Protein backbone atom coordinates (compact mmCIF):
# COMPACT_ATOMS: atom_id res chain seq x y z
CA MET A 1 -0.12 0.05 -0.01
CA SER A 2 1.52 3.16 -0.98
CA PRO A 3 1.55 6.31 1.30
CA VAL A 4 -0.80 9.31 0.41
CA VAL A 5 0.30 12.83 0.54
CA LEU A 6 -2.19 15.87 0.58
CA VAL A 7 -0.70 18.89 -1.53
CA VAL A 8 -2.51 22.06 -0.95
CA ASP A 9 -1.47 24.92 -3.30
CA ASP A 10 -3.57 27.47 -5.06
CA SER A 11 -1.06 27.13 -7.97
CA PRO A 12 -1.97 24.62 -10.44
CA THR A 13 1.65 24.50 -11.64
CA VAL A 14 3.22 23.81 -8.12
CA ARG A 15 0.51 21.13 -7.27
CA LYS A 16 1.44 19.38 -10.70
CA ILE A 17 5.02 19.36 -10.25
CA VAL A 18 4.83 18.16 -6.62
CA GLN A 19 2.30 15.49 -7.83
CA LEU A 20 4.57 14.40 -10.56
CA THR A 21 7.68 14.36 -8.36
CA LEU A 22 5.94 12.25 -5.78
CA GLN A 23 4.20 9.84 -8.00
CA ARG A 24 7.49 9.05 -9.42
CA GLU A 25 8.41 7.75 -5.92
CA ARG A 26 5.34 5.58 -5.84
CA ILE A 27 3.48 8.03 -3.57
CA GLU A 28 -0.32 8.49 -3.91
CA VAL A 29 -0.92 12.16 -4.26
CA VAL A 30 -4.38 14.00 -3.55
CA THR A 31 -4.61 17.76 -4.19
CA ALA A 32 -6.55 20.63 -3.00
CA SER A 33 -6.45 24.29 -4.30
CA ASP A 34 -7.88 26.15 -1.14
CA GLY A 35 -8.32 25.98 2.49
CA LEU A 36 -11.66 24.48 2.82
CA SER A 37 -11.09 21.85 0.19
CA ALA A 38 -7.85 20.86 2.04
CA LEU A 39 -9.89 20.22 5.42
CA ALA A 40 -12.30 17.96 3.22
CA ALA A 41 -9.48 16.15 1.75
CA VAL A 42 -7.77 15.45 5.01
CA ALA A 43 -11.15 13.80 6.20
CA ASP A 44 -11.69 11.93 2.91
CA ALA A 45 -8.23 10.81 1.90
CA GLN A 46 -6.62 10.35 5.46
CA PRO A 47 -3.27 11.23 4.16
CA ASP A 48 -0.01 10.26 5.69
CA LEU A 49 1.32 13.85 5.27
CA ILE A 50 0.36 17.23 4.03
CA LEU A 51 2.22 19.57 2.02
CA LEU A 52 0.73 22.83 2.76
CA ASP A 53 1.06 26.37 1.12
CA ILE A 54 0.34 29.45 3.37
CA MET A 55 -1.39 31.86 1.00
CA LEU A 56 -4.45 30.07 0.16
CA PRO A 57 -7.95 31.22 -0.66
CA ARG A 58 -10.99 30.68 1.68
CA MET A 59 -8.45 29.70 4.53
CA ASP A 60 -4.79 30.36 4.86
CA GLY A 61 -2.29 27.52 5.72
CA TYR A 62 -1.59 28.70 9.35
CA ASN A 63 -5.29 28.09 10.10
CA ILE A 64 -5.61 24.83 8.43
CA CYS A 65 -2.49 23.64 10.24
CA HIS A 66 -4.10 24.77 13.52
CA VAL A 67 -7.45 23.02 12.74
CA VAL A 68 -5.69 19.66 11.87
CA ARG A 69 -3.66 19.83 15.11
CA ARG A 70 -6.58 20.19 17.19
CA SER A 71 -8.04 17.15 15.72
CA MET A 72 -7.39 13.90 17.91
CA ALA A 73 -7.34 11.78 14.69
CA TYR A 74 -4.76 14.03 12.97
CA HIS A 75 -2.84 15.87 15.79
CA ASP A 76 0.32 13.79 14.95
CA LEU A 77 0.10 14.14 11.12
CA PRO A 78 3.28 15.67 9.74
CA ILE A 79 2.56 18.96 8.06
CA ILE A 80 5.15 20.38 5.84
CA MET A 81 4.71 24.11 5.08
CA LEU A 82 5.79 24.67 1.30
CA SER A 83 5.70 28.36 0.81
CA GLY A 84 7.45 31.30 -0.98
CA LYS A 85 7.51 33.21 2.40
CA ASP A 86 10.99 32.77 3.58
CA GLY A 87 11.33 34.99 6.45
CA LEU A 88 12.11 33.94 9.91
CA PHE A 89 8.72 35.54 11.14
CA ASP A 90 6.87 33.20 8.58
CA LYS A 91 8.77 30.13 9.69
CA MET A 92 8.24 30.74 13.20
CA ARG A 93 4.48 31.47 12.68
CA GLY A 94 4.36 28.14 10.82
CA LYS A 95 5.86 26.34 13.98
CA LEU A 96 3.56 28.03 16.21
CA ALA A 97 0.70 26.96 13.96
CA GLY A 98 1.96 23.39 14.32
CA SER A 99 3.92 22.74 11.17
CA THR A 100 6.47 19.98 11.31
CA GLU A 101 8.83 21.40 8.76
CA TYR A 102 9.14 24.40 6.49
CA ILE A 103 10.39 24.32 2.94
CA THR A 104 10.72 27.38 0.95
CA LYS A 105 9.77 27.74 -2.78
CA PRO A 106 11.18 27.49 -5.19
CA PHE A 107 12.43 24.11 -3.89
CA ASP A 108 14.79 21.34 -4.98
CA SER A 109 12.79 18.26 -6.02
CA SER A 110 15.35 15.95 -4.25
CA GLU A 111 15.20 17.83 -1.09
CA LEU A 112 11.37 17.68 -1.12
CA VAL A 113 11.45 14.02 -1.90
CA GLN A 114 14.01 13.29 0.79
CA THR A 115 11.93 15.35 3.36
CA VAL A 116 8.66 13.65 2.57
CA LYS A 117 10.31 10.14 2.73
CA ARG A 118 11.77 10.94 6.14
CA TYR A 119 8.18 11.65 7.63
CA LEU A 120 6.78 8.67 5.77
CA ASP A 121 8.96 6.08 6.79
CA THR A 122 8.14 6.11 10.41
CA PRO A 123 5.99 3.78 12.62
CA GLU A 124 3.38 6.36 13.06
CA ALA A 125 3.07 6.71 9.28
CA HIS A 126 2.83 2.84 8.88
CA GLU A 127 0.17 2.75 11.36
CA ARG A 128 -2.02 5.42 9.55
CA ALA A 129 -1.56 3.69 6.32
CA ALA A 130 -2.71 0.52 7.98
CA ARG A 131 -5.87 2.40 9.48
CA ARG A 132 -6.45 3.80 6.20
CA GLN A 133 -6.52 0.52 4.47
CA LYS A 134 -8.81 -1.01 7.12
CA ASN A 135 -11.33 2.12 6.59
CA ARG A 136 -11.22 1.62 2.93
CA MET A 137 -12.01 -2.11 3.27
CA SER A 138 -14.97 -1.60 5.70
CA ARG A 139 -16.36 1.08 3.22
CA LEU A 140 -16.18 -1.52 0.30
CA ARG A 141 -17.74 -4.21 2.37
CA ARG A 142 -20.86 -1.81 3.30
CA ARG A 143 -21.20 -1.10 -0.49
CA VAL A 144 -21.47 -4.85 -1.38
């Protein structure tokens, strides 16, 4: 079972670049273009990791991060801020909102893959993947 990464960015170009980069590594990618869609995608896709832009329509990345962190089901989910804002204040604000890591755009693809894999290869990530698979199987059984 491949890990699932939620990529949240309002730029279709960034979403596509990240999606193609991660899919080459056999990582399933779900995308969202705004804050509210991102929260819905967290509940639907149950990702193993979120790559999250800060400047988004309908809800910014800081607020999304804060909401996800308050949920018992996702409080330990790795959230990597992926932003063009590279100031110390922005990075600290991301940390205070609950981000796990902060990568500045433009990013190096190999750095992105290395960082993502570091957080996907943990016991917690494997446990989340097993829960997601179990949930998918139970939904399939209910349909049959």
